[in-house]
Amino acid sequence: MTVAVELDEMMEFAGELRGELFRIRRNLHQQPELLYDVSRTSKLVADLLRRQAILECISMEPRGITVLPIWRLTPSRWQPVL
C-alpha cells in the first residue's frame, strides 16, 4: 500500500466523520461550558472516539480526557496497537 492510498483512505474516513463533527460542533456552541469545566465536551469526544474505534479513553476528568491509541499507521498500513 502506498502513501497516496493511505492518504486517500484517511481523507475518506475524515469525510465520513464530517457530518457528525458538524453536529457535535453545533451542539457544543448551543450549550457552551465555562472555562475548564468541560465534562460534557469530554464525554462527547470520548463517545465519538469509542464509536469510531480510534482511541480508547482511559480517564475522563472535568478538564479533559486521557486516551490510548487503538490503531497506528505503519509504513505499509494501519494496524492495531497491541
PDB file of N, CA and C in Angstrom:
ATOM      1  N   MET A   1       0.848  -1.180   0.000  1.00  0.00           N
ATOM      2  CA  MET A   1       0.000   0.000   0.000  1.00  0.00           C
ATOM      3  C   MET A   1       0.891   1.240   0.000  1.00  0.00           C
ATOM      4  N   THR A   2       0.548   2.190  -0.818  1.00  0.00           N
ATOM      5  CA  THR A   2       1.370   3.386  -0.933  1.00  0.00           C
ATOM      6  C   THR A   2       0.860   4.486  -0.021  1.00  0.00           C
ATOM      7  N   VAL A   3       1.704   5.495   0.146  1.00  0.00           N
ATOM      8  CA  VAL A   3       1.323   6.645   0.975  1.00  0.00           C
ATOM      9  C   VAL A   3       0.094   7.332   0.395  1.00  0.00           C
ATOM     10  N   ALA A   4       0.006   7.423  -0.933  1.00  0.00           N
ATOM     11  CA  ALA A   4      -1.138   8.069  -1.581  1.00  0.00           C
ATOM     12  C   ALA A   4      -2.434   7.332  -1.260  1.00  0.00           C
ATOM     13  N   VAL A   5      -2.394   6.005  -1.275  1.00  0.00           N
ATOM     14  CA  VAL A   5      -3.583   5.217  -0.947  1.00  0.00           C
ATOM     15  C   VAL A   5      -3.962   5.434   0.505  1.00  0.00           C
ATOM     16  N   GLU A   6      -2.982   5.440   1.410  1.00  0.00           N
ATOM     17  CA  GLU A   6      -3.273   5.672   2.819  1.00  0.00           C
ATOM     18  C   GLU A   6      -3.869   7.055   3.032  1.00  0.00           C
ATOM     19  N   LEU A   7      -3.344   8.057   2.335  1.00  0.00           N
ATOM     20  CA  LEU A   7      -3.883   9.406   2.438  1.00  0.00           C
ATOM     21  C   LEU A   7      -5.326   9.427   1.941  1.00  0.00           C
ATOM     22  N   ASP A   8      -5.597   8.744   0.839  1.00  0.00           N
ATOM     23  CA  ASP A   8      -6.962   8.664   0.322  1.00  0.00           C
ATOM     24  C   ASP A   8      -7.894   8.021   1.345  1.00  0.00           C
ATOM     25  N   GLU A   9      -7.442   6.958   1.990  1.00  0.00           N
ATOM     26  CA  GLU A   9      -8.255   6.280   2.998  1.00  0.00           C
ATOM     27  C   GLU A   9      -8.519   7.202   4.190  1.00  0.00           C
ATOM     28  N   MET A  10      -7.499   7.943   4.630  1.00  0.00           N
ATOM     29  CA  MET A  10      -7.677   8.866   5.745  1.00  0.00           C
ATOM     30  C   MET A  10      -8.644   9.991   5.380  1.00  0.00           C
ATOM     31  N   MET A  11      -8.552  10.504   4.153  1.00  0.00           N
ATOM     32  CA  MET A  11      -9.446  11.574   3.715  1.00  0.00           C
ATOM     33  C   MET A  11     -10.888  11.060   3.608  1.00  0.00           C
ATOM     34  N   GLU A  12     -11.054   9.833   3.149  1.00  0.00           N
ATOM     35  CA  GLU A  12     -12.392   9.236   3.084  1.00  0.00           C
ATOM     36  C   GLU A  12     -12.977   9.094   4.484  1.00  0.00           C
ATOM     37  N   PHE A  13     -12.156   8.630   5.423  1.00  0.00           N
ATOM     38  CA  PHE A  13     -12.588   8.486   6.810  1.00  0.00           C
ATOM     39  C   PHE A  13     -12.980   9.843   7.385  1.00  0.00           C
ATOM     40  N   ALA A  14     -12.168  10.871   7.133  1.00  0.00           N
ATOM     41  CA  ALA A  14     -12.472  12.222   7.615  1.00  0.00           C
ATOM     42  C   ALA A  14     -13.785  12.711   7.011  1.00  0.00           C
ATOM     43  N   GLY A  15     -14.019  12.408   5.741  1.00  0.00           N
ATOM     44  CA  GLY A  15     -15.265  12.805   5.095  1.00  0.00           C
ATOM     45  C   GLY A  15     -16.472  12.144   5.730  1.00  0.00           C
ATOM     46  N   GLU A  16     -16.316  10.891   6.129  1.00  0.00           N
ATOM     47  CA  GLU A  16     -17.405  10.174   6.782  1.00  0.00           C
ATOM     48  C   GLU A  16     -17.738  10.793   8.140  1.00  0.00           C
ATOM     49  N   LEU A  17     -16.739  11.328   8.808  1.00  0.00           N
ATOM     50  CA  LEU A  17     -16.948  11.945  10.122  1.00  0.00           C
ATOM     51  C   LEU A  17     -17.480  13.369  10.036  1.00  0.00           C
ATOM     52  N   ARG A  18     -17.398  13.979   8.882  1.00  0.00           N
ATOM     53  CA  ARG A  18     -17.709  15.401   8.735  1.00  0.00           C
ATOM     54  C   ARG A  18     -19.092  15.774   9.284  1.00  0.00           C
ATOM     55  N   GLY A  19     -20.117  15.055   8.882  1.00  0.00           N
ATOM     56  CA  GLY A  19     -21.467  15.358   9.336  1.00  0.00           C
ATOM     57  C   GLY A  19     -21.605  15.264  10.846  1.00  0.00           C
ATOM     58  N   GLU A  20     -21.027  14.218  11.414  1.00  0.00           N
ATOM     59  CA  GLU A  20     -21.107  14.042  12.868  1.00  0.00           C
ATOM     60  C   GLU A  20     -20.337  15.141  13.601  1.00  0.00           C
ATOM     61  N   LEU A  21     -19.185  15.523  13.066  1.00  0.00           N
ATOM     62  CA  LEU A  21     -18.412  16.596  13.699  1.00  0.00           C
ATOM     63  C   LEU A  21     -19.153  17.924  13.642  1.00  0.00           C
ATOM     64  N   PHE A  22     -19.832  18.207  12.534  1.00  0.00           N
ATOM     65  CA  PHE A  22     -20.642  19.427  12.440  1.00  0.00           C
ATOM     66  C   PHE A  22     -21.756  19.405  13.475  1.00  0.00           C
ATOM     67  N   ARG A  23     -22.410  18.250  13.624  1.00  0.00           N
ATOM     68  CA  ARG A  23     -23.494  18.122  14.606  1.00  0.00           C
ATOM     69  C   ARG A  23     -22.988  18.371  16.023  1.00  0.00           C
ATOM     70  N   ILE A  24     -21.835  17.769  16.352  1.00  0.00           N
ATOM     71  CA  ILE A  24     -21.247  17.956  17.678  1.00  0.00           C
ATOM     72  C   ILE A  24     -20.876  19.418  17.897  1.00  0.00           C
ATOM     73  N   ARG A  25     -20.274  20.039  16.892  1.00  0.00           N
ATOM     74  CA  ARG A  25     -19.870  21.447  17.000  1.00  0.00           C
ATOM     75  C   ARG A  25     -21.081  22.344  17.261  1.00  0.00           C
ATOM     76  N   ARG A  26     -22.149  22.141  16.503  1.00  0.00           N
ATOM     77  CA  ARG A  26     -23.364  22.948  16.710  1.00  0.00           C
ATOM     78  C   ARG A  26     -23.907  22.746  18.118  1.00  0.00           C
ATOM     79  N   ASN A  27     -23.929  21.498  18.553  1.00  0.00           N
ATOM     80  CA  ASN A  27     -24.426  21.175  19.885  1.00  0.00           C
ATOM     81  C   ASN A  27     -23.601  21.879  20.966  1.00  0.00           C
ATOM     82  N   LEU A  28     -22.279  21.848  20.821  1.00  0.00           N
ATOM     83  CA  LEU A  28     -21.406  22.482  21.810  1.00  0.00           C
ATOM     84  C   LEU A  28     -21.578  23.994  21.826  1.00  0.00           C
ATOM     85  N   HIS A  29     -21.796  24.590  20.665  1.00  0.00           N
ATOM     86  CA  HIS A  29     -21.981  26.039  20.610  1.00  0.00           C
ATOM     87  C   HIS A  29     -23.337  26.459  21.160  1.00  0.00           C
ATOM     88  N   GLN A  30     -24.333  25.591  21.062  1.00  0.00           N
ATOM     89  CA  GLN A  30     -25.648  25.904  21.599  1.00  0.00           C
ATOM     90  C   GLN A  30     -25.685  25.787  23.116  1.00  0.00           C
ATOM     91  N   GLN A  31     -24.819  24.936  23.665  1.00  0.00           N
ATOM     92  CA  GLN A  31     -24.780  24.718  25.116  1.00  0.00           C
ATOM     93  C   GLN A  31     -23.330  24.796  25.596  1.00  0.00           C
ATOM     94  N   PRO A  32     -22.734  25.992  25.574  1.00  0.00           N
ATOM     95  CA  PRO A  32     -21.312  26.105  25.914  1.00  0.00           C
ATOM     96  C   PRO A  32     -21.033  25.811  27.391  1.00  0.00           C
ATOM     97  N   GLU A  33     -19.826  25.320  27.638  1.00  0.00           N
ATOM     98  CA  GLU A  33     -19.359  25.087  29.004  1.00  0.00           C
ATOM     99  C   GLU A  33     -18.364  26.186  29.351  1.00  0.00           C
ATOM    100  N   LEU A  34     -18.224  26.446  30.615  1.00  0.00           N
ATOM    101  CA  LEU A  34     -17.385  27.549  31.061  1.00  0.00           C
ATOM    102  C   LEU A  34     -15.958  27.109  31.359  1.00  0.00           C
ATOM    103  N   LEU A  35     -15.018  27.854  30.840  1.00  0.00           N
ATOM    104  CA  LEU A  35     -13.592  27.738  31.093  1.00  0.00           C
ATOM    105  C   LEU A  35     -13.112  26.292  31.142  1.00  0.00           C
ATOM    106  N   TYR A  36     -12.711  25.800  32.311  1.00  0.00           N
ATOM    107  CA  TYR A  36     -12.109  24.467  32.397  1.00  0.00           C
ATOM    108  C   TYR A  36     -13.084  23.368  32.789  1.00  0.00           C
ATOM    109  N   ASP A  37     -14.345  23.706  33.007  1.00  0.00           N
ATOM    110  CA  ASP A  37     -15.342  22.696  33.345  1.00  0.00           C
ATOM    111  C   ASP A  37     -15.976  22.201  32.045  1.00  0.00           C
ATOM    112  N   VAL A  38     -15.317  21.257  31.400  1.00  0.00           N
ATOM    113  CA  VAL A  38     -15.749  20.780  30.085  1.00  0.00           C
ATOM    114  C   VAL A  38     -16.126  19.301  30.118  1.00  0.00           C
ATOM    115  N   SER A  39     -16.802  18.885  31.169  1.00  0.00           N
ATOM    116  CA  SER A  39     -17.122  17.463  31.321  1.00  0.00           C
ATOM    117  C   SER A  39     -18.061  16.982  30.216  1.00  0.00           C
ATOM    118  N   ARG A  40     -19.018  17.795  29.810  1.00  0.00           N
ATOM    119  CA  ARG A  40     -19.933  17.399  28.738  1.00  0.00           C
ATOM    120  C   ARG A  40     -19.182  17.270  27.409  1.00  0.00           C
ATOM    121  N   THR A  41     -18.310  18.218  27.129  1.00  0.00           N
ATOM    122  CA  THR A  41     -17.495  18.162  25.911  1.00  0.00           C
ATOM    123  C   THR A  41     -16.607  16.922  25.925  1.00  0.00           C
ATOM    124  N   SER A  42     -15.985  16.641  27.062  1.00  0.00           N
ATOM    125  CA  SER A  42     -15.127  15.452  27.192  1.00  0.00           C
ATOM    126  C   SER A  42     -15.908  14.188  26.891  1.00  0.00           C
ATOM    127  N   LYS A  43     -17.133  14.105  27.400  1.00  0.00           N
ATOM    128  CA  LYS A  43     -17.952  12.919  27.170  1.00  0.00           C
ATOM    129  C   LYS A  43     -18.289  12.785  25.684  1.00  0.00           C
ATOM    130  N   LEU A  44     -18.652  13.881  25.023  1.00  0.00           N
ATOM    131  CA  LEU A  44     -18.964  13.829  23.588  1.00  0.00           C
ATOM    132  C   LEU A  44     -17.761  13.340  22.780  1.00  0.00           C
ATOM    133  N   VAL A  45     -16.578  13.855  23.094  1.00  0.00           N
ATOM    134  CA  VAL A  45     -15.358  13.461  22.379  1.00  0.00           C
ATOM    135  C   VAL A  45     -15.030  12.000  22.658  1.00  0.00           C
ATOM    136  N   ALA A  46     -15.101  11.590  23.921  1.00  0.00           N
ATOM    137  CA  ALA A  46     -14.803  10.203  24.287  1.00  0.00           C
ATOM    138  C   ALA A  46     -15.758   9.237  23.589  1.00  0.00           C
ATOM    139  N   ASP A  47     -17.047   9.586  23.541  1.00  0.00           N
ATOM    140  CA  ASP A  47     -18.029   8.725  22.872  1.00  0.00           C
ATOM    141  C   ASP A  47     -17.728   8.598  21.381  1.00  0.00           C
ATOM    142  N   LEU A  48     -17.371   9.714  20.743  1.00  0.00           N
ATOM    143  CA  LEU A  48     -17.034   9.674  19.317  1.00  0.00           C
ATOM    144  C   LEU A  48     -15.817   8.787  19.066  1.00  0.00           C
ATOM    145  N   LEU A  49     -14.780   8.945  19.867  1.00  0.00           N
ATOM    146  CA  LEU A  49     -13.561   8.151  19.688  1.00  0.00           C
ATOM    147  C   LEU A  49     -13.833   6.663  19.894  1.00  0.00           C
ATOM    148  N   ARG A  50     -14.664   6.338  20.873  1.00  0.00           N
ATOM    149  CA  ARG A  50     -15.000   4.930  21.113  1.00  0.00           C
ATOM    150  C   ARG A  50     -15.795   4.349  19.944  1.00  0.00           C
ATOM    151  N   ARG A  51     -16.789   5.088  19.479  1.00  0.00           N
ATOM    152  CA  ARG A  51     -17.623   4.602  18.368  1.00  0.00           C
ATOM    153  C   ARG A  51     -16.799   4.369  17.108  1.00  0.00           C
ATOM    154  N   GLN A  52     -15.837   5.241  16.875  1.00  0.00           N
ATOM    155  CA  GLN A  52     -15.014   5.119  15.674  1.00  0.00           C
ATOM    156  C   GLN A  52     -13.830   4.181  15.885  1.00  0.00           C
ATOM    157  N   ALA A  53     -13.649   3.680  17.099  1.00  0.00           N
ATOM    158  CA  ALA A  53     -12.557   2.759  17.438  1.00  0.00           C
ATOM    159  C   ALA A  53     -11.199   3.336  17.039  1.00  0.00           C
ATOM    160  N   ILE A  54     -11.001   4.610  17.363  1.00  0.00           N
ATOM    161  CA  ILE A  54      -9.734   5.279  17.077  1.00  0.00           C
ATOM    162  C   ILE A  54      -8.840   5.235  18.309  1.00  0.00           C
ATOM    163  N   LEU A  55      -9.399   5.655  19.414  1.00  0.00           N
ATOM    164  CA  LEU A  55      -8.664   5.728  20.674  1.00  0.00           C
ATOM    165  C   LEU A  55      -9.523   5.162  21.784  1.00  0.00           C
ATOM    166  N   GLU A  56      -8.894   4.615  22.784  1.00  0.00           N
ATOM    167  CA  GLU A  56      -9.606   4.147  23.967  1.00  0.00           C
ATOM    168  C   GLU A  56      -9.398   5.158  25.082  1.00  0.00           C
ATOM    169  N   CYS A  57     -10.483   5.644  25.623  1.00  0.00           N
ATOM    170  CA  CYS A  57     -10.400   6.618  26.706  1.00  0.00           C
ATOM    171  C   CYS A  57     -10.109   5.883  28.002  1.00  0.00           C
ATOM    172  N   ILE A  58      -9.040   6.266  28.650  1.00  0.00           N
ATOM    173  CA  ILE A  58      -8.673   5.585  29.885  1.00  0.00           C
ATOM    174  C   ILE A  58      -8.989   6.419  31.115  1.00  0.00           C
ATOM    175  N   SER A  59      -9.259   7.707  30.917  1.00  0.00           N
ATOM    176  CA  SER A  59      -9.578   8.570  32.044  1.00  0.00           C
ATOM    177  C   SER A  59     -10.387   9.750  31.549  1.00  0.00           C
ATOM    178  N   MET A  60     -11.457  10.074  32.265  1.00  0.00           N
ATOM    179  CA  MET A  60     -12.240  11.248  31.913  1.00  0.00           C
ATOM    180  C   MET A  60     -12.327  12.140  33.144  1.00  0.00           C
ATOM    181  N   GLU A  61     -11.820  13.334  33.005  1.00  0.00           N
ATOM    182  CA  GLU A  61     -11.786  14.315  34.082  1.00  0.00           C
ATOM    183  C   GLU A  61     -12.663  15.500  33.686  1.00  0.00           C
ATOM    184  N   PRO A  62     -13.027  16.359  34.633  1.00  0.00           N
ATOM    185  CA  PRO A  62     -13.802  17.552  34.269  1.00  0.00           C
ATOM    186  C   PRO A  62     -13.079  18.459  33.272  1.00  0.00           C
ATOM    187  N   ARG A  63     -11.756  18.361  33.212  1.00  0.00           N
ATOM    188  CA  ARG A  63     -10.990  19.237  32.324  1.00  0.00           C
ATOM    189  C   ARG A  63     -10.501  18.560  31.053  1.00  0.00           C
ATOM    190  N   GLY A  64     -10.863  17.316  30.811  1.00  0.00           N
ATOM    191  CA  GLY A  64     -10.426  16.656  29.589  1.00  0.00           C
ATOM    192  C   GLY A  64     -10.381  15.150  29.733  1.00  0.00           C
ATOM    193  N   ILE A  65      -9.838  14.490  28.699  1.00  0.00           N
ATOM    194  CA  ILE A  65      -9.750  13.037  28.692  1.00  0.00           C
ATOM    195  C   ILE A  65      -8.320  12.594  28.402  1.00  0.00           C
ATOM    196  N   THR A  66      -7.998  11.405  28.854  1.00  0.00           N
ATOM    197  CA  THR A  66      -6.714  10.773  28.537  1.00  0.00           C
ATOM    198  C   THR A  66      -7.024   9.567  27.673  1.00  0.00           C
ATOM    199  N   VAL A  67      -6.292   9.416  26.577  1.00  0.00           N
ATOM    200  CA  VAL A  67      -6.593   8.346  25.637  1.00  0.00           C
ATOM    201  C   VAL A  67      -5.356   7.535  25.284  1.00  0.00           C
ATOM    202  N   LEU A  68      -5.596   6.322  24.827  1.00  0.00           N
ATOM    203  CA  LEU A  68      -4.557   5.462  24.272  1.00  0.00           C
ATOM    204  C   LEU A  68      -4.947   5.117  22.846  1.00  0.00           C
ATOM    205  N   PRO A  69      -3.998   5.104  21.917  1.00  0.00           N
ATOM    206  CA  PRO A  69      -4.339   4.749  20.537  1.00  0.00           C
ATOM    207  C   PRO A  69      -4.692   3.275  20.422  1.00  0.00           C
ATOM    208  N   ILE A  70      -5.668   2.982  19.570  1.00  0.00           N
ATOM    209  CA  ILE A  70      -6.032   1.599  19.265  1.00  0.00           C
ATOM    210  C   ILE A  70      -5.402   1.201  17.935  1.00  0.00           C
ATOM    211  N   TRP A  71      -5.252   2.167  17.017  1.00  0.00           N
ATOM    212  CA  TRP A  71      -4.665   1.931  15.704  1.00  0.00           C
ATOM    213  C   TRP A  71      -3.459   2.827  15.522  1.00  0.00           C
ATOM    214  N   ARG A  72      -2.500   2.362  14.743  1.00  0.00           N
ATOM    215  CA  ARG A  72      -1.346   3.191  14.390  1.00  0.00           C
ATOM    216  C   ARG A  72      -1.040   3.001  12.914  1.00  0.00           C
ATOM    217  N   LEU A  73      -0.461   4.016  12.335  1.00  0.00           N
ATOM    218  CA  LEU A  73      -0.104   3.969  10.924  1.00  0.00           C
ATOM    219  C   LEU A  73       1.341   3.521  10.809  1.00  0.00           C
ATOM    220  N   THR A  74       1.550   2.385  10.156  1.00  0.00           N
ATOM    221  CA  THR A  74       2.894   1.885   9.900  1.00  0.00           C
ATOM    222  C   THR A  74       3.265   2.298   8.475  1.00  0.00           C
ATOM    223  N   PRO A  75       4.500   2.081   8.057  1.00  0.00           N
ATOM    224  CA  PRO A  75       4.867   2.458   6.683  1.00  0.00           C
ATOM    225  C   PRO A  75       4.007   1.788   5.609  1.00  0.00           C
ATOM    226  N   SER A  76       3.415   0.647   5.919  1.00  0.00           N
ATOM    227  CA  SER A  76       2.653  -0.062   4.886  1.00  0.00           C
ATOM    228  C   SER A  76       1.136  -0.022   5.080  1.00  0.00           C
ATOM    229  N   ARG A  77       0.653   0.181   6.335  1.00  0.00           N
ATOM    230  CA  ARG A  77      -0.804   0.144   6.540  1.00  0.00           C
ATOM    231  C   ARG A  77      -1.151   0.528   7.977  1.00  0.00           C
ATOM    232  N   TRP A  78      -2.459   0.685   8.206  1.00  0.00           N
ATOM    233  CA  TRP A  78      -2.960   0.861   9.571  1.00  0.00           C
ATOM    234  C   TRP A  78      -2.995  -0.503  10.233  1.00  0.00           C
ATOM    235  N   GLN A  79      -2.598  -0.559  11.481  1.00  0.00           N
ATOM    236  CA  GLN A  79      -2.672  -1.839  12.195  1.00  0.00           C
ATOM    237  C   GLN A  79      -2.987  -1.591  13.659  1.00  0.00           C
ATOM    238  N   PRO A  80      -3.586  -2.571  14.321  1.00  0.00           N
ATOM    239  CA  PRO A  80      -3.928  -2.412  15.723  1.00  0.00           C
ATOM    240  C   PRO A  80      -2.677  -2.259  16.593  1.00  0.00           C
ATOM    241  N   VAL A  81      -2.827  -1.497  17.644  1.00  0.00           N
ATOM    242  CA  VAL A  81      -1.767  -1.382  18.649  1.00  0.00           C
ATOM    243  C   VAL A  81      -1.972  -2.538  19.611  1.00  0.00           C
ATOM    244  N   LEU A  82      -0.937  -3.313  19.824  1.00  0.00           N
ATOM    245  CA  LEU A  82      -1.068  -4.485  20.704  1.00  0.00           C
ATOM    246  C   LEU A  82      -0.681  -4.168  22.115  1.00  0.00           C
TER     247      LEU A  82
END
